[in-house]
Amino acid sequence: MKITTSATLANAIRDQRKSLQLTQAETAERVGMKQTTVSGFEQNPDTSKLETLFRLLSALELELHVVPRGEAADKDSGWTQEW
């Protein structure tokens, strides 16, 4: 998924949480934060701390990949041959 705004990032985090069938409270508990912090990130990510993002990524078993524009995030798979 290509993320270009903080709102898109917050939506992706929320969607992953819901796909795992976790409440905000359950997500928060996984990484020792408050439910209100999860809610705050999902509703207003512009004012959230970077630390909150990384803790949520951890709680939801997500990774962050930063790649130059125009490159696919999955290019680093190591497989170079086509089928």
PDB file of N, CA and C in Angstrom:
ATOM      1  N   MET A   1       0.844  -1.179   0.000  1.00  0.00           N
ATOM      2  CA  MET A   1       0.000   0.000   0.000  1.00  0.00           C
ATOM      3  C   MET A   1       0.888   1.240   0.000  1.00  0.00           C
ATOM      4  N   LYS A   2       0.548   2.174  -0.836  1.00  0.00           N
ATOM      5  CA  LYS A   2       1.297   3.423  -0.918  1.00  0.00           C
ATOM      6  C   LYS A   2       0.668   4.432   0.037  1.00  0.00           C
ATOM      7  N   ILE A   3       1.483   4.961   0.936  1.00  0.00           N
ATOM      8  CA  ILE A   3       1.029   5.933   1.931  1.00  0.00           C
ATOM      9  C   ILE A   3       1.609   7.292   1.560  1.00  0.00           C
ATOM     10  N   THR A   4       0.734   8.280   1.380  1.00  0.00           N
ATOM     11  CA  THR A   4       1.211   9.611   0.995  1.00  0.00           C
ATOM     12  C   THR A   4       0.790  10.710   1.963  1.00  0.00           C
ATOM     13  N   THR A   5      -0.089  10.386   2.905  1.00  0.00           N
ATOM     14  CA  THR A   5      -0.522  11.377   3.894  1.00  0.00           C
ATOM     15  C   THR A   5      -0.640  10.714   5.259  1.00  0.00           C
ATOM     16  N   SER A   6      -0.653  11.523   6.289  1.00  0.00           N
ATOM     17  CA  SER A   6      -0.829  10.984   7.640  1.00  0.00           C
ATOM     18  C   SER A   6      -2.210  10.350   7.805  1.00  0.00           C
ATOM     19  N   ALA A   7      -3.205  10.894   7.123  1.00  0.00           N
ATOM     20  CA  ALA A   7      -4.557  10.327   7.200  1.00  0.00           C
ATOM     21  C   ALA A   7      -4.606   8.938   6.563  1.00  0.00           C
ATOM     22  N   THR A   8      -3.919   8.768   5.441  1.00  0.00           N
ATOM     23  CA  THR A   8      -3.856   7.460   4.793  1.00  0.00           C
ATOM     24  C   THR A   8      -3.151   6.454   5.693  1.00  0.00           C
ATOM     25  N   LEU A   9      -2.098   6.891   6.352  1.00  0.00           N
ATOM     26  CA  LEU A   9      -1.380   6.029   7.289  1.00  0.00           C
ATOM     27  C   LEU A   9      -2.282   5.614   8.442  1.00  0.00           C
ATOM     28  N   ALA A  10      -3.002   6.555   9.009  1.00  0.00           N
ATOM     29  CA  ALA A  10      -3.915   6.252  10.115  1.00  0.00           C
ATOM     30  C   ALA A  10      -4.997   5.273   9.675  1.00  0.00           C
ATOM     31  N   ASN A  11      -5.516   5.447   8.471  1.00  0.00           N
ATOM     32  CA  ASN A  11      -6.529   4.523   7.948  1.00  0.00           C
ATOM     33  C   ASN A  11      -5.962   3.119   7.779  1.00  0.00           C
ATOM     34  N   ALA A  12      -4.731   3.023   7.307  1.00  0.00           N
ATOM     35  CA  ALA A  12      -4.099   1.712   7.133  1.00  0.00           C
ATOM     36  C   ALA A  12      -3.897   1.022   8.479  1.00  0.00           C
ATOM     37  N   ILE A  13      -3.487   1.784   9.479  1.00  0.00           N
ATOM     38  CA  ILE A  13      -3.313   1.235  10.832  1.00  0.00           C
ATOM     39  C   ILE A  13      -4.658   0.755  11.366  1.00  0.00           C
ATOM     40  N   ARG A  14      -5.680   1.575  11.229  1.00  0.00           N
ATOM     41  CA  ARG A  14      -7.017   1.203  11.702  1.00  0.00           C
ATOM     42  C   ARG A  14      -7.539  -0.035  10.979  1.00  0.00           C
ATOM     43  N   ASP A  15      -7.358  -0.078   9.666  1.00  0.00           N
ATOM     44  CA  ASP A  15      -7.829  -1.220   8.885  1.00  0.00           C
ATOM     45  C   ASP A  15      -7.138  -2.511   9.309  1.00  0.00           C
ATOM     46  N   GLN A  16      -5.844  -2.440   9.574  1.00  0.00           N
ATOM     47  CA  GLN A  16      -5.114  -3.628  10.033  1.00  0.00           C
ATOM     48  C   GLN A  16      -5.618  -4.068  11.403  1.00  0.00           C
ATOM     49  N   ARG A  17      -5.837  -3.115  12.287  1.00  0.00           N
ATOM     50  CA  ARG A  17      -6.355  -3.441  13.623  1.00  0.00           C
ATOM     51  C   ARG A  17      -7.688  -4.162  13.505  1.00  0.00           C
ATOM     52  N   LYS A  18      -8.553  -3.629  12.664  1.00  0.00           N
ATOM     53  CA  LYS A  18      -9.874  -4.244  12.490  1.00  0.00           C
ATOM     54  C   LYS A  18      -9.777  -5.610  11.819  1.00  0.00           C
ATOM     55  N   SER A  19      -8.858  -5.768  10.885  1.00  0.00           N
ATOM     56  CA  SER A  19      -8.710  -7.068  10.220  1.00  0.00           C
ATOM     57  C   SER A  19      -8.215  -8.134  11.195  1.00  0.00           C
ATOM     58  N   LEU A  20      -7.493  -7.709  12.217  1.00  0.00           N
ATOM     59  CA  LEU A  20      -7.050  -8.625  13.274  1.00  0.00           C
ATOM     60  C   LEU A  20      -8.116  -8.794  14.351  1.00  0.00           C
ATOM     61  N   GLN A  21      -9.235  -8.111  14.170  1.00  0.00           N
ATOM     62  CA  GLN A  21     -10.361  -8.143  15.107  1.00  0.00           C
ATOM     63  C   GLN A  21      -9.936  -7.721  16.519  1.00  0.00           C
ATOM     64  N   LEU A  22      -9.161  -6.645  16.564  1.00  0.00           N
ATOM     65  CA  LEU A  22      -8.706  -6.087  17.833  1.00  0.00           C
ATOM     66  C   LEU A  22      -9.411  -4.763  18.101  1.00  0.00           C
ATOM     67  N   THR A  23      -9.747  -4.540  19.347  1.00  0.00           N
ATOM     68  CA  THR A  23     -10.262  -3.236  19.740  1.00  0.00           C
ATOM     69  C   THR A  23      -9.079  -2.292  19.929  1.00  0.00           C
ATOM     70  N   GLN A  24      -9.385  -1.022  20.052  1.00  0.00           N
ATOM     71  CA  GLN A  24      -8.319  -0.065  20.353  1.00  0.00           C
ATOM     72  C   GLN A  24      -7.675  -0.398  21.691  1.00  0.00           C
ATOM     73  N   ALA A  25      -8.474  -0.803  22.658  1.00  0.00           N
ATOM     74  CA  ALA A  25      -7.949  -1.140  23.985  1.00  0.00           C
ATOM     75  C   ALA A  25      -7.026  -2.357  23.925  1.00  0.00           C
ATOM     76  N   GLU A  26      -7.413  -3.360  23.166  1.00  0.00           N
ATOM     77  CA  GLU A  26      -6.575  -4.562  23.040  1.00  0.00           C
ATOM     78  C   GLU A  26      -5.264  -4.244  22.336  1.00  0.00           C
ATOM     79  N   THR A  27      -5.342  -3.409  21.325  1.00  0.00           N
ATOM     80  CA  THR A  27      -4.138  -2.990  20.608  1.00  0.00           C
ATOM     81  C   THR A  27      -3.209  -2.230  21.538  1.00  0.00           C
ATOM     82  N   ALA A  28      -3.770  -1.312  22.285  1.00  0.00           N
ATOM     83  CA  ALA A  28      -2.984  -0.520  23.227  1.00  0.00           C
ATOM     84  C   ALA A  28      -2.319  -1.403  24.275  1.00  0.00           C
ATOM     85  N   GLU A  29      -3.050  -2.365  24.778  1.00  0.00           N
ATOM     86  CA  GLU A  29      -2.528  -3.252  25.824  1.00  0.00           C
ATOM     87  C   GLU A  29      -1.318  -4.045  25.342  1.00  0.00           C
ATOM     88  N   ARG A  30      -1.292  -4.396  24.085  1.00  0.00           N
ATOM     89  CA  ARG A  30      -0.180  -5.170  23.523  1.00  0.00           C
ATOM     90  C   ARG A  30       1.163  -4.461  23.663  1.00  0.00           C
ATOM     91  N   VAL A  31       1.138  -3.131  23.666  1.00  0.00           N
ATOM     92  CA  VAL A  31       2.393  -2.373  23.704  1.00  0.00           C
ATOM     93  C   VAL A  31       2.445  -1.365  24.844  1.00  0.00           C
ATOM     94  N   GLY A  32       1.579  -1.537  25.827  1.00  0.00           N
ATOM     95  CA  GLY A  32       1.648  -0.704  27.025  1.00  0.00           C
ATOM     96  C   GLY A  32       1.289   0.750  26.833  1.00  0.00           C
ATOM     97  N   MET A  33       0.280   1.013  26.042  1.00  0.00           N
ATOM     98  CA  MET A  33      -0.190   2.391  25.907  1.00  0.00           C
ATOM     99  C   MET A  33      -1.676   2.444  26.229  1.00  0.00           C
ATOM    100  N   LYS A  34      -2.222   3.631  26.257  1.00  0.00           N
ATOM    101  CA  LYS A  34      -3.637   3.810  26.573  1.00  0.00           C
ATOM    102  C   LYS A  34      -4.487   3.713  25.309  1.00  0.00           C
ATOM    103  N   GLN A  35      -5.729   3.307  25.502  1.00  0.00           N
ATOM    104  CA  GLN A  35      -6.681   3.237  24.389  1.00  0.00           C
ATOM    105  C   GLN A  35      -6.846   4.600  23.753  1.00  0.00           C
ATOM    106  N   THR A  36      -6.820   5.643  24.559  1.00  0.00           N
ATOM    107  CA  THR A  36      -6.992   6.997  24.024  1.00  0.00           C
ATOM    108  C   THR A  36      -5.852   7.393  23.082  1.00  0.00           C
ATOM    109  N   THR A  37      -4.672   6.810  23.292  1.00  0.00           N
ATOM    110  CA  THR A  37      -3.543   7.080  22.398  1.00  0.00           C
ATOM    111  C   THR A  37      -3.792   6.458  21.028  1.00  0.00           C
ATOM    112  N   VAL A  38      -4.310   5.236  21.022  1.00  0.00           N
ATOM    113  CA  VAL A  38      -4.645   4.573  19.754  1.00  0.00           C
ATOM    114  C   VAL A  38      -5.733   5.363  19.038  1.00  0.00           C
ATOM    115  N   SER A  39      -6.757   5.741  19.770  1.00  0.00           N
ATOM    116  CA  SER A  39      -7.846   6.530  19.201  1.00  0.00           C
ATOM    117  C   SER A  39      -7.325   7.851  18.646  1.00  0.00           C
ATOM    118  N   GLY A  40      -6.472   8.505  19.406  1.00  0.00           N
ATOM    119  CA  GLY A  40      -5.906   9.774  18.972  1.00  0.00           C
ATOM    120  C   GLY A  40      -5.122   9.648  17.682  1.00  0.00           C
ATOM    121  N   PHE A  41      -4.355   8.560  17.564  1.00  0.00           N
ATOM    122  CA  PHE A  41      -3.598   8.343  16.333  1.00  0.00           C
ATOM    123  C   PHE A  41      -4.533   8.112  15.154  1.00  0.00           C
ATOM    124  N   GLU A  42      -5.542   7.284  15.360  1.00  0.00           N
ATOM    125  CA  GLU A  42      -6.464   6.977  14.265  1.00  0.00           C
ATOM    126  C   GLU A  42      -7.284   8.193  13.839  1.00  0.00           C
ATOM    127  N   GLN A  43      -7.618   9.059  14.778  1.00  0.00           N
ATOM    128  CA  GLN A  43      -8.462  10.212  14.474  1.00  0.00           C
ATOM    129  C   GLN A  43      -7.682  11.450  14.041  1.00  0.00           C
ATOM    130  N   ASN A  44      -6.491  11.628  14.597  1.00  0.00           N
ATOM    131  CA  ASN A  44      -5.724  12.841  14.329  1.00  0.00           C
ATOM    132  C   ASN A  44      -4.230  12.520  14.332  1.00  0.00           C
ATOM    133  N   PRO A  45      -3.753  11.818  13.309  1.00  0.00           N
ATOM    134  CA  PRO A  45      -2.359  11.383  13.303  1.00  0.00           C
ATOM    135  C   PRO A  45      -1.343  12.520  13.228  1.00  0.00           C
ATOM    136  N   ASP A  46      -1.759  13.683  12.767  1.00  0.00           N
ATOM    137  CA  ASP A  46      -0.828  14.809  12.641  1.00  0.00           C
ATOM    138  C   ASP A  46      -0.229  15.236  13.970  1.00  0.00           C
ATOM    139  N   THR A  47      -0.945  15.002  15.059  1.00  0.00           N
ATOM    140  CA  THR A  47      -0.455  15.438  16.370  1.00  0.00           C
ATOM    141  C   THR A  47       0.157  14.297  17.178  1.00  0.00           C
ATOM    142  N   SER A  48       0.256  13.119  16.580  1.00  0.00           N
ATOM    143  CA  SER A  48       0.802  11.959  17.286  1.00  0.00           C
ATOM    144  C   SER A  48       2.323  11.944  17.222  1.00  0.00           C
ATOM    145  N   LYS A  49       2.914  11.274  18.198  1.00  0.00           N
ATOM    146  CA  LYS A  49       4.363  11.122  18.241  1.00  0.00           C
ATOM    147  C   LYS A  49       4.794   9.991  17.310  1.00  0.00           C
ATOM    148  N   LEU A  50       5.998  10.106  16.799  1.00  0.00           N
ATOM    149  CA  LEU A  50       6.561   9.059  15.961  1.00  0.00           C
ATOM    150  C   LEU A  50       6.668   7.747  16.741  1.00  0.00           C
ATOM    151  N   GLU A  51       6.987   7.838  18.015  1.00  0.00           N
ATOM    152  CA  GLU A  51       7.060   6.656  18.876  1.00  0.00           C
ATOM    153  C   GLU A  51       5.722   5.905  18.878  1.00  0.00           C
ATOM    154  N   THR A  52       4.623   6.630  18.885  1.00  0.00           N
ATOM    155  CA  THR A  52       3.296   5.999  18.860  1.00  0.00           C
ATOM    156  C   THR A  52       3.127   5.177  17.593  1.00  0.00           C
ATOM    157  N   LEU A  53       3.549   5.724  16.467  1.00  0.00           N
ATOM    158  CA  LEU A  53       3.463   4.992  15.205  1.00  0.00           C
ATOM    159  C   LEU A  53       4.209   3.667  15.304  1.00  0.00           C
ATOM    160  N   PHE A  54       5.444   3.695  15.776  1.00  0.00           N
ATOM    161  CA  PHE A  54       6.238   2.475  15.822  1.00  0.00           C
ATOM    162  C   PHE A  54       5.686   1.462  16.821  1.00  0.00           C
ATOM    163  N   ARG A  55       5.119   1.930  17.892  1.00  0.00           N
ATOM    164  CA  ARG A  55       4.495   1.011  18.847  1.00  0.00           C
ATOM    165  C   ARG A  55       3.246   0.376  18.250  1.00  0.00           C
ATOM    166  N   LEU A  56       2.468   1.146  17.505  1.00  0.00           N
ATOM    167  CA  LEU A  56       1.291   0.586  16.837  1.00  0.00           C
ATOM    168  C   LEU A  56       1.692  -0.409  15.750  1.00  0.00           C
ATOM    169  N   LEU A  57       2.724  -0.087  14.997  1.00  0.00           N
ATOM    170  CA  LEU A  57       3.215  -1.029  13.994  1.00  0.00           C
ATOM    171  C   LEU A  57       3.596  -2.352  14.646  1.00  0.00           C
ATOM    172  N   SER A  58       4.257  -2.272  15.782  1.00  0.00           N
ATOM    173  CA  SER A  58       4.641  -3.474  16.515  1.00  0.00           C
ATOM    174  C   SER A  58       3.423  -4.244  17.001  1.00  0.00           C
ATOM    175  N   ALA A  59       2.472  -3.550  17.572  1.00  0.00           N
ATOM    176  CA  ALA A  59       1.264  -4.190  18.105  1.00  0.00           C
ATOM    177  C   ALA A  59       0.482  -4.907  17.021  1.00  0.00           C
ATOM    178  N   LEU A  60       0.532  -4.378  15.812  1.00  0.00           N
ATOM    179  CA  LEU A  60      -0.267  -4.915  14.711  1.00  0.00           C
ATOM    180  C   LEU A  60       0.556  -5.761  13.741  1.00  0.00           C
ATOM    181  N   GLU A  61       1.802  -6.051  14.131  1.00  0.00           N
ATOM    182  CA  GLU A  61       2.691  -6.897  13.331  1.00  0.00           C
ATOM    183  C   GLU A  61       2.877  -6.353  11.918  1.00  0.00           C
ATOM    184  N   LEU A  62       3.143  -5.052  11.845  1.00  0.00           N
ATOM    185  CA  LEU A  62       3.392  -4.379  10.571  1.00  0.00           C
ATOM    186  C   LEU A  62       4.836  -3.906  10.513  1.00  0.00           C
ATOM    187  N   GLU A  63       5.326  -3.681   9.298  1.00  0.00           N
ATOM    188  CA  GLU A  63       6.655  -3.125   9.080  1.00  0.00           C
ATOM    189  C   GLU A  63       6.534  -1.843   8.266  1.00  0.00           C
ATOM    190  N   LEU A  64       7.505  -0.978   8.415  1.00  0.00           N
ATOM    191  CA  LEU A  64       7.566   0.250   7.637  1.00  0.00           C
ATOM    192  C   LEU A  64       8.750   0.148   6.684  1.00  0.00           C
ATOM    193  N   HIS A  65       8.500   0.333   5.400  1.00  0.00           N
ATOM    194  CA  HIS A  65       9.556   0.324   4.391  1.00  0.00           C
ATOM    195  C   HIS A  65       9.578   1.696   3.730  1.00  0.00           C
ATOM    196  N   VAL A  66      10.753   2.287   3.662  1.00  0.00           N
ATOM    197  CA  VAL A  66      10.911   3.575   2.990  1.00  0.00           C
ATOM    198  C   VAL A  66      11.736   3.324   1.735  1.00  0.00           C
ATOM    199  N   VAL A  67      11.151   3.638   0.590  1.00  0.00           N
ATOM    200  CA  VAL A  67      11.824   3.408  -0.689  1.00  0.00           C
ATOM    201  C   VAL A  67      11.729   4.668  -1.535  1.00  0.00           C
ATOM    202  N   PRO A  68      12.672   4.848  -2.447  1.00  0.00           N
ATOM    203  CA  PRO A  68      12.581   5.993  -3.343  1.00  0.00           C
ATOM    204  C   PRO A  68      11.286   5.949  -4.152  1.00  0.00           C
ATOM    205  N   ARG A  69      10.767   7.106  -4.466  1.00  0.00           N
ATOM    206  CA  ARG A  69       9.537   7.172  -5.263  1.00  0.00           C
ATOM    207  C   ARG A  69       9.717   6.415  -6.566  1.00  0.00           C
ATOM    208  N   GLY A  70       8.649   5.744  -6.952  1.00  0.00           N
ATOM    209  CA  GLY A  70       8.669   5.007  -8.203  1.00  0.00           C
ATOM    210  C   GLY A  70       9.157   3.580  -8.084  1.00  0.00           C
ATOM    211  N   GLU A  71       9.724   3.209  -6.938  1.00  0.00           N
ATOM    212  CA  GLU A  71      10.177   1.837  -6.731  1.00  0.00           C
ATOM    213  C   GLU A  71       9.139   1.076  -5.930  1.00  0.00           C
ATOM    214  N   ALA A  72       8.944  -0.167  -6.271  1.00  0.00           N
ATOM    215  CA  ALA A  72       8.006  -1.010  -5.529  1.00  0.00           C
ATOM    216  C   ALA A  72       8.626  -1.417  -4.201  1.00  0.00           C
ATOM    217  N   ALA A  73       7.815  -1.453  -3.168  1.00  0.00           N
ATOM    218  CA  ALA A  73       8.302  -1.808  -1.837  1.00  0.00           C
ATOM    219  C   ALA A  73       8.756  -3.252  -1.759  1.00  0.00           C
ATOM    220  N   ASP A  74       8.255  -4.115  -2.629  1.00  0.00           N
ATOM    221  CA  ASP A  74       8.600  -5.531  -2.549  1.00  0.00           C
ATOM    222  C   ASP A  74       9.746  -5.914  -3.486  1.00  0.00           C
ATOM    223  N   LYS A  75      10.469  -4.952  -4.013  1.00  0.00           N
ATOM    224  CA  LYS A  75      11.585  -5.246  -4.905  1.00  0.00           C
ATOM    225  C   LYS A  75      12.727  -5.958  -4.195  1.00  0.00           C
ATOM    226  N   ASP A  76      12.808  -5.852  -2.887  1.00  0.00           N
ATOM    227  CA  ASP A  76      13.924  -6.430  -2.148  1.00  0.00           C
ATOM    228  C   ASP A  76      13.726  -7.907  -1.824  1.00  0.00           C
ATOM    229  N   SER A  77      12.829  -8.573  -2.511  1.00  0.00           N
ATOM    230  CA  SER A  77      12.556  -9.980  -2.224  1.00  0.00           C
ATOM    231  C   SER A  77      13.727 -10.875  -2.599  1.00  0.00           C
ATOM    232  N   GLY A  78      14.634 -10.382  -3.450  1.00  0.00           N
ATOM    233  CA  GLY A  78      15.789 -11.166  -3.821  1.00  0.00           C
ATOM    234  C   GLY A  78      15.564 -12.046  -5.044  1.00  0.00           C
ATOM    235  N   TRP A  79      14.347 -12.246  -5.444  1.00  0.00           N
ATOM    236  CA  TRP A  79      14.034 -13.093  -6.591  1.00  0.00           C
ATOM    237  C   TRP A  79      14.113 -12.261  -7.856  1.00  0.00           C
ATOM    238  N   THR A  80      14.952 -12.660  -8.788  1.00  0.00           N
ATOM    239  CA  THR A  80      15.156 -11.853  -9.990  1.00  0.00           C
ATOM    240  C   THR A  80      14.625 -12.506 -11.252  1.00  0.00           C
ATOM    241  N   GLN A  81      14.184 -13.756 -11.187  1.00  0.00           N
ATOM    242  CA  GLN A  81      13.726 -14.452 -12.377  1.00  0.00           C
ATOM    243  C   GLN A  81      12.215 -14.395 -12.499  1.00  0.00           C
ATOM    244  N   GLU A  82      11.753 -14.308 -13.747  1.00  0.00           N
ATOM    245  CA  GLU A  82      10.318 -14.324 -14.003  1.00  0.00           C
ATOM    246  C   GLU A  82       9.873 -15.745 -14.279  1.00  0.00           C
ATOM    247  N   TRP A  83       8.623 -16.020 -14.063  1.00  0.00           N
ATOM    248  CA  TRP A  83       8.064 -17.347 -14.346  1.00  0.00           C
ATOM    249  C   TRP A  83       7.523 -17.378 -15.736  1.00  0.00           C
TER     250      TRP A  83
END
